[in-house]
Amino acid sequence: MRERLHHLAAVEALHNENGPEFARWADTRLDRWLVDWSLRNGKEKTARKIAEDKDIDVRLLPGR
């Protein structure tokens, strides 16, 4: 949970919503949302694949 809160707080430090930093932040946010959605809908393999492909901490997934 701490990692996710740090990620959400990081957007406040960005100065330009059109810059590459914001685009990377938004992409990571979307990836995490997709992992969460997949888990909530019983698609653990999909969640694990997205997390591994996008280098999201897989320790947060069930079974780790």
PDB file of N, CA and C in Angstrom:
ATOM      1  N   MET A   1       0.834  -1.184   0.000  1.00  0.00           N
ATOM      2  CA  MET A   1       0.000   0.000   0.000  1.00  0.00           C
ATOM      3  C   MET A   1       0.886   1.258   0.000  1.00  0.00           C
ATOM      4  N   ARG A   2       1.971   1.192   0.751  1.00  0.00           N
ATOM      5  CA  ARG A   2       2.875   2.341   0.827  1.00  0.00           C
ATOM      6  C   ARG A   2       3.426   2.702  -0.545  1.00  0.00           C
ATOM      7  N   GLU A   3       3.809   1.666  -1.314  1.00  0.00           N
ATOM      8  CA  GLU A   3       4.340   1.893  -2.660  1.00  0.00           C
ATOM      9  C   GLU A   3       3.307   2.594  -3.539  1.00  0.00           C
ATOM     10  N   ARG A   4       2.066   2.205  -3.441  1.00  0.00           N
ATOM     11  CA  ARG A   4       1.007   2.821  -4.250  1.00  0.00           C
ATOM     12  C   ARG A   4       0.758   4.258  -3.831  1.00  0.00           C
ATOM     13  N   LEU A   5       0.807   4.537  -2.552  1.00  0.00           N
ATOM     14  CA  LEU A   5       0.627   5.913  -2.082  1.00  0.00           C
ATOM     15  C   LEU A   5       1.771   6.806  -2.540  1.00  0.00           C
ATOM     16  N   HIS A   6       2.982   6.280  -2.523  1.00  0.00           N
ATOM     17  CA  HIS A   6       4.127   7.053  -3.022  1.00  0.00           C
ATOM     18  C   HIS A   6       3.960   7.359  -4.512  1.00  0.00           C
ATOM     19  N   HIS A   7       3.458   6.376  -5.250  1.00  0.00           N
ATOM     20  CA  HIS A   7       3.240   6.590  -6.685  1.00  0.00           C
ATOM     21  C   HIS A   7       2.204   7.683  -6.915  1.00  0.00           C
ATOM     22  N   LEU A   8       1.115   7.664  -6.170  1.00  0.00           N
ATOM     23  CA  LEU A   8       0.084   8.692  -6.316  1.00  0.00           C
ATOM     24  C   LEU A   8       0.602  10.067  -5.910  1.00  0.00           C
ATOM     25  N   ALA A   9       1.418  10.111  -4.869  1.00  0.00           N
ATOM     26  CA  ALA A   9       1.963  11.387  -4.410  1.00  0.00           C
ATOM     27  C   ALA A   9       2.980  11.959  -5.396  1.00  0.00           C
ATOM     28  N   ALA A  10       3.609  11.104  -6.180  1.00  0.00           N
ATOM     29  CA  ALA A  10       4.638  11.559  -7.119  1.00  0.00           C
ATOM     30  C   ALA A  10       4.076  12.505  -8.169  1.00  0.00           C
ATOM     31  N   VAL A  11       2.806  12.390  -8.487  1.00  0.00           N
ATOM     32  CA  VAL A  11       2.218  13.254  -9.510  1.00  0.00           C
ATOM     33  C   VAL A  11       2.238  14.724  -9.073  1.00  0.00           C
ATOM     34  N   GLU A  12       2.208  14.971  -7.801  1.00  0.00           N
ATOM     35  CA  GLU A  12       2.237  16.349  -7.308  1.00  0.00           C
ATOM     36  C   GLU A  12       3.565  17.032  -7.589  1.00  0.00           C
ATOM     37  N   ALA A  13       4.628  16.262  -7.713  1.00  0.00           N
ATOM     38  CA  ALA A  13       5.951  16.831  -7.959  1.00  0.00           C
ATOM     39  C   ALA A  13       6.186  17.134  -9.436  1.00  0.00           C
ATOM     40  N   LEU A  14       5.318  16.653 -10.298  1.00  0.00           N
ATOM     41  CA  LEU A  14       5.488  16.894 -11.728  1.00  0.00           C
ATOM     42  C   LEU A  14       5.026  18.302 -12.069  1.00  0.00           C
ATOM     43  N   HIS A  15       5.818  18.984 -12.857  1.00  0.00           N
ATOM     44  CA  HIS A  15       5.539  20.379 -13.168  1.00  0.00           C
ATOM     45  C   HIS A  15       4.758  20.567 -14.463  1.00  0.00           C
ATOM     46  N   ASN A  16       4.800  19.569 -15.326  1.00  0.00           N
ATOM     47  CA  ASN A  16       4.189  19.732 -16.639  1.00  0.00           C
ATOM     48  C   ASN A  16       3.395  18.476 -16.994  1.00  0.00           C
ATOM     49  N   GLU A  17       2.103  18.627 -17.184  1.00  0.00           N
ATOM     50  CA  GLU A  17       1.264  17.478 -17.521  1.00  0.00           C
ATOM     51  C   GLU A  17       1.463  17.004 -18.949  1.00  0.00           C
ATOM     52  N   ASN A  18       2.188  17.744 -19.746  1.00  0.00           N
ATOM     53  CA  ASN A  18       2.451  17.355 -21.126  1.00  0.00           C
ATOM     54  C   ASN A  18       3.833  16.740 -21.301  1.00  0.00           C
ATOM     55  N   GLY A  19       4.588  16.660 -20.221  1.00  0.00           N
ATOM     56  CA  GLY A  19       5.954  16.158 -20.313  1.00  0.00           C
ATOM     57  C   GLY A  19       6.053  14.650 -20.257  1.00  0.00           C
ATOM     58  N   PRO A  20       7.236  14.131 -20.556  1.00  0.00           N
ATOM     59  CA  PRO A  20       7.442  12.686 -20.563  1.00  0.00           C
ATOM     60  C   PRO A  20       7.331  12.055 -19.178  1.00  0.00           C
ATOM     61  N   GLU A  21       7.654  12.811 -18.135  1.00  0.00           N
ATOM     62  CA  GLU A  21       7.543  12.261 -16.785  1.00  0.00           C
ATOM     63  C   GLU A  21       6.094  11.955 -16.446  1.00  0.00           C
ATOM     64  N   PHE A  22       5.201  12.866 -16.816  1.00  0.00           N
ATOM     65  CA  PHE A  22       3.782  12.637 -16.547  1.00  0.00           C
ATOM     66  C   PHE A  22       3.264  11.465 -17.369  1.00  0.00           C
ATOM     67  N   ALA A  23       3.712  11.349 -18.603  1.00  0.00           N
ATOM     68  CA  ALA A  23       3.282  10.237 -19.454  1.00  0.00           C
ATOM     69  C   ALA A  23       3.709   8.907 -18.846  1.00  0.00           C
ATOM     70  N   ARG A  24       4.940   8.827 -18.329  1.00  0.00           N
ATOM     71  CA  ARG A  24       5.409   7.601 -17.681  1.00  0.00           C
ATOM     72  C   ARG A  24       4.595   7.319 -16.422  1.00  0.00           C
ATOM     73  N   TRP A  25       4.313   8.365 -15.643  1.00  0.00           N
ATOM     74  CA  TRP A  25       3.518   8.197 -14.428  1.00  0.00           C
ATOM     75  C   TRP A  25       2.127   7.673 -14.789  1.00  0.00           C
ATOM     76  N   ALA A  26       1.505   8.272 -15.793  1.00  0.00           N
ATOM     77  CA  ALA A  26       0.156   7.873 -16.198  1.00  0.00           C
ATOM     78  C   ALA A  26       0.145   6.436 -16.733  1.00  0.00           C
ATOM     79  N   ASP A  27       1.169   6.050 -17.477  1.00  0.00           N
ATOM     80  CA  ASP A  27       1.249   4.682 -17.987  1.00  0.00           C
ATOM     81  C   ASP A  27       1.358   3.681 -16.833  1.00  0.00           C
ATOM     82  N   THR A  28       2.186   3.997 -15.856  1.00  0.00           N
ATOM     83  CA  THR A  28       2.328   3.119 -14.696  1.00  0.00           C
ATOM     84  C   THR A  28       1.028   3.038 -13.917  1.00  0.00           C
ATOM     85  N   ARG A  29       0.345   4.156 -13.769  1.00  0.00           N
ATOM     86  CA  ARG A  29      -0.935   4.176 -13.066  1.00  0.00           C
ATOM     87  C   ARG A  29      -1.953   3.282 -13.778  1.00  0.00           C
ATOM     88  N   LEU A  30      -2.000   3.375 -15.091  1.00  0.00           N
ATOM     89  CA  LEU A  30      -2.916   2.537 -15.862  1.00  0.00           C
ATOM     90  C   LEU A  30      -2.557   1.057 -15.718  1.00  0.00           C
ATOM     91  N   ASP A  31      -1.271   0.743 -15.792  1.00  0.00           N
ATOM     92  CA  ASP A  31      -0.830  -0.645 -15.641  1.00  0.00           C
ATOM     93  C   ASP A  31      -1.245  -1.197 -14.280  1.00  0.00           C
ATOM     94  N   ARG A  32      -1.070  -0.424 -13.228  1.00  0.00           N
ATOM     95  CA  ARG A  32      -1.462  -0.882 -11.893  1.00  0.00           C
ATOM     96  C   ARG A  32      -2.970  -1.042 -11.789  1.00  0.00           C
ATOM     97  N   TRP A  33      -3.711  -0.154 -12.433  1.00  0.00           N
ATOM     98  CA  TRP A  33      -5.162  -0.268 -12.424  1.00  0.00           C
ATOM     99  C   TRP A  33      -5.587  -1.559 -13.127  1.00  0.00           C
ATOM    100  N   LEU A  34      -4.942  -1.865 -14.253  1.00  0.00           N
ATOM    101  CA  LEU A  34      -5.264  -3.094 -14.975  1.00  0.00           C
ATOM    102  C   LEU A  34      -4.953  -4.340 -14.152  1.00  0.00           C
ATOM    103  N   VAL A  35      -3.855  -4.327 -13.435  1.00  0.00           N
ATOM    104  CA  VAL A  35      -3.521  -5.451 -12.557  1.00  0.00           C
ATOM    105  C   VAL A  35      -4.582  -5.589 -11.473  1.00  0.00           C
ATOM    106  N   ASP A  36      -4.943  -4.492 -10.833  1.00  0.00           N
ATOM    107  CA  ASP A  36      -5.975  -4.534  -9.795  1.00  0.00           C
ATOM    108  C   ASP A  36      -7.296  -5.048 -10.348  1.00  0.00           C
ATOM    109  N   TRP A  37      -7.714  -4.528 -11.510  1.00  0.00           N
ATOM    110  CA  TRP A  37      -8.967  -4.946 -12.120  1.00  0.00           C
ATOM    111  C   TRP A  37      -8.951  -6.440 -12.429  1.00  0.00           C
ATOM    112  N   SER A  38      -7.843  -6.894 -12.985  1.00  0.00           N
ATOM    113  CA  SER A  38      -7.721  -8.317 -13.324  1.00  0.00           C
ATOM    114  C   SER A  38      -7.842  -9.192 -12.084  1.00  0.00           C
ATOM    115  N   LEU A  39      -7.189  -8.788 -11.010  1.00  0.00           N
ATOM    116  CA  LEU A  39      -7.269  -9.565  -9.774  1.00  0.00           C
ATOM    117  C   LEU A  39      -8.687  -9.578  -9.227  1.00  0.00           C
ATOM    118  N   ARG A  40      -9.357  -8.451  -9.246  1.00  0.00           N
ATOM    119  CA  ARG A  40     -10.719  -8.364  -8.710  1.00  0.00           C
ATOM    120  C   ARG A  40     -11.718  -9.165  -9.549  1.00  0.00           C
ATOM    121  N   ASN A  41     -11.350  -9.463 -10.780  1.00  0.00           N
ATOM    122  CA  ASN A  41     -12.243 -10.211 -11.658  1.00  0.00           C
ATOM    123  C   ASN A  41     -11.766 -11.644 -11.891  1.00  0.00           C
ATOM    124  N   GLY A  42     -10.918 -12.129 -10.998  1.00  0.00           N
ATOM    125  CA  GLY A  42     -10.487 -13.523 -11.022  1.00  0.00           C
ATOM    126  C   GLY A  42      -9.528 -13.881 -12.144  1.00  0.00           C
ATOM    127  N   LYS A  43      -8.825 -12.929 -12.658  1.00  0.00           N
ATOM    128  CA  LYS A  43      -7.898 -13.168 -13.765  1.00  0.00           C
ATOM    129  C   LYS A  43      -6.456 -13.019 -13.276  1.00  0.00           C
ATOM    130  N   GLU A  44      -6.082 -13.923 -12.374  1.00  0.00           N
ATOM    131  CA  GLU A  44      -4.764 -13.832 -11.745  1.00  0.00           C
ATOM    132  C   GLU A  44      -3.624 -14.000 -12.750  1.00  0.00           C
ATOM    133  N   LYS A  45      -3.773 -14.903 -13.711  1.00  0.00           N
ATOM    134  CA  LYS A  45      -2.708 -15.091 -14.711  1.00  0.00           C
ATOM    135  C   LYS A  45      -2.496 -13.814 -15.517  1.00  0.00           C
ATOM    136  N   THR A  46      -3.585 -13.155 -15.892  1.00  0.00           N
ATOM    137  CA  THR A  46      -3.484 -11.900 -16.632  1.00  0.00           C
ATOM    138  C   THR A  46      -2.801 -10.841 -15.783  1.00  0.00           C
ATOM    139  N   ALA A  47      -3.209 -10.737 -14.523  1.00  0.00           N
ATOM    140  CA  ALA A  47      -2.613  -9.759 -13.611  1.00  0.00           C
ATOM    141  C   ALA A  47      -1.119 -10.010 -13.456  1.00  0.00           C
ATOM    142  N   ARG A  48      -0.760 -11.265 -13.272  1.00  0.00           N
ATOM    143  CA  ARG A  48       0.656 -11.611 -13.091  1.00  0.00           C
ATOM    144  C   ARG A  48       1.452 -11.279 -14.363  1.00  0.00           C
ATOM    145  N   LYS A  49       0.880 -11.570 -15.541  1.00  0.00           N
ATOM    146  CA  LYS A  49       1.582 -11.292 -16.801  1.00  0.00           C
ATOM    147  C   LYS A  49       1.793  -9.793 -17.004  1.00  0.00           C
ATOM    148  N   ILE A  50       0.761  -9.003 -16.747  1.00  0.00           N
ATOM    149  CA  ILE A  50       0.899  -7.546 -16.868  1.00  0.00           C
ATOM    150  C   ILE A  50       1.949  -7.042 -15.889  1.00  0.00           C
ATOM    151  N   ALA A  51       1.868  -7.503 -14.653  1.00  0.00           N
ATOM    152  CA  ALA A  51       2.807  -7.053 -13.625  1.00  0.00           C
ATOM    153  C   ALA A  51       4.249  -7.393 -14.000  1.00  0.00           C
ATOM    154  N   GLU A  52       4.458  -8.592 -14.513  1.00  0.00           N
ATOM    155  CA  GLU A  52       5.813  -8.984 -14.889  1.00  0.00           C
ATOM    156  C   GLU A  52       6.294  -8.213 -16.116  1.00  0.00           C
ATOM    157  N   ASP A  53       5.423  -8.051 -17.114  1.00  0.00           N
ATOM    158  CA  ASP A  53       5.810  -7.320 -18.331  1.00  0.00           C
ATOM    159  C   ASP A  53       6.112  -5.857 -18.051  1.00  0.00           C
ATOM    160  N   LYS A  54       5.389  -5.267 -17.133  1.00  0.00           N
ATOM    161  CA  LYS A  54       5.528  -3.837 -16.844  1.00  0.00           C
ATOM    162  C   LYS A  54       6.402  -3.559 -15.629  1.00  0.00           C
ATOM    163  N   ASP A  55       7.017  -4.603 -15.085  1.00  0.00           N
ATOM    164  CA  ASP A  55       7.926  -4.479 -13.937  1.00  0.00           C
ATOM    165  C   ASP A  55       7.232  -3.856 -12.721  1.00  0.00           C
ATOM    166  N   ILE A  56       6.016  -4.330 -12.468  1.00  0.00           N
ATOM    167  CA  ILE A  56       5.275  -3.926 -11.268  1.00  0.00           C
ATOM    168  C   ILE A  56       5.580  -4.972 -10.202  1.00  0.00           C
ATOM    169  N   ASP A  57       5.726  -4.548  -8.992  1.00  0.00           N
ATOM    170  CA  ASP A  57       6.098  -5.435  -7.896  1.00  0.00           C
ATOM    171  C   ASP A  57       5.112  -6.596  -7.773  1.00  0.00           C
ATOM    172  N   VAL A  58       5.560  -7.805  -8.111  1.00  0.00           N
ATOM    173  CA  VAL A  58       4.683  -8.969  -8.074  1.00  0.00           C
ATOM    174  C   VAL A  58       4.509  -9.524  -6.665  1.00  0.00           C
ATOM    175  N   ARG A  59       5.241  -9.000  -5.705  1.00  0.00           N
ATOM    176  CA  ARG A  59       5.042  -9.448  -4.320  1.00  0.00           C
ATOM    177  C   ARG A  59       3.641  -9.096  -3.832  1.00  0.00           C
ATOM    178  N   LEU A  60       2.995  -8.136  -4.494  1.00  0.00           N
ATOM    179  CA  LEU A  60       1.657  -7.720  -4.094  1.00  0.00           C
ATOM    180  C   LEU A  60       0.584  -8.676  -4.609  1.00  0.00           C
ATOM    181  N   LEU A  61       0.946  -9.556  -5.532  1.00  0.00           N
ATOM    182  CA  LEU A  61      -0.027 -10.479  -6.099  1.00  0.00           C
ATOM    183  C   LEU A  61      -0.175 -11.700  -5.192  1.00  0.00           C
ATOM    184  N   PRO A  62      -1.351 -12.333  -5.201  1.00  0.00           N
ATOM    185  CA  PRO A  62      -1.569 -13.539  -4.399  1.00  0.00           C
ATOM    186  C   PRO A  62      -0.563 -14.608  -4.782  1.00  0.00           C
ATOM    187  N   GLY A  63      -0.163 -15.388  -3.805  1.00  0.00           N
ATOM    188  CA  GLY A  63       0.757 -16.480  -4.054  1.00  0.00           C
ATOM    189  C   GLY A  63       2.217 -16.082  -4.039  1.00  0.00           C
ATOM    190  N   ARG A  64       2.509 -14.853  -3.716  1.00  0.00           N
ATOM    191  CA  ARG A  64       3.912 -14.403  -3.665  1.00  0.00           C
ATOM    192  C   ARG A  64       4.273 -14.040  -2.261  1.00  0.00           C
TER     193      ARG A  64
END
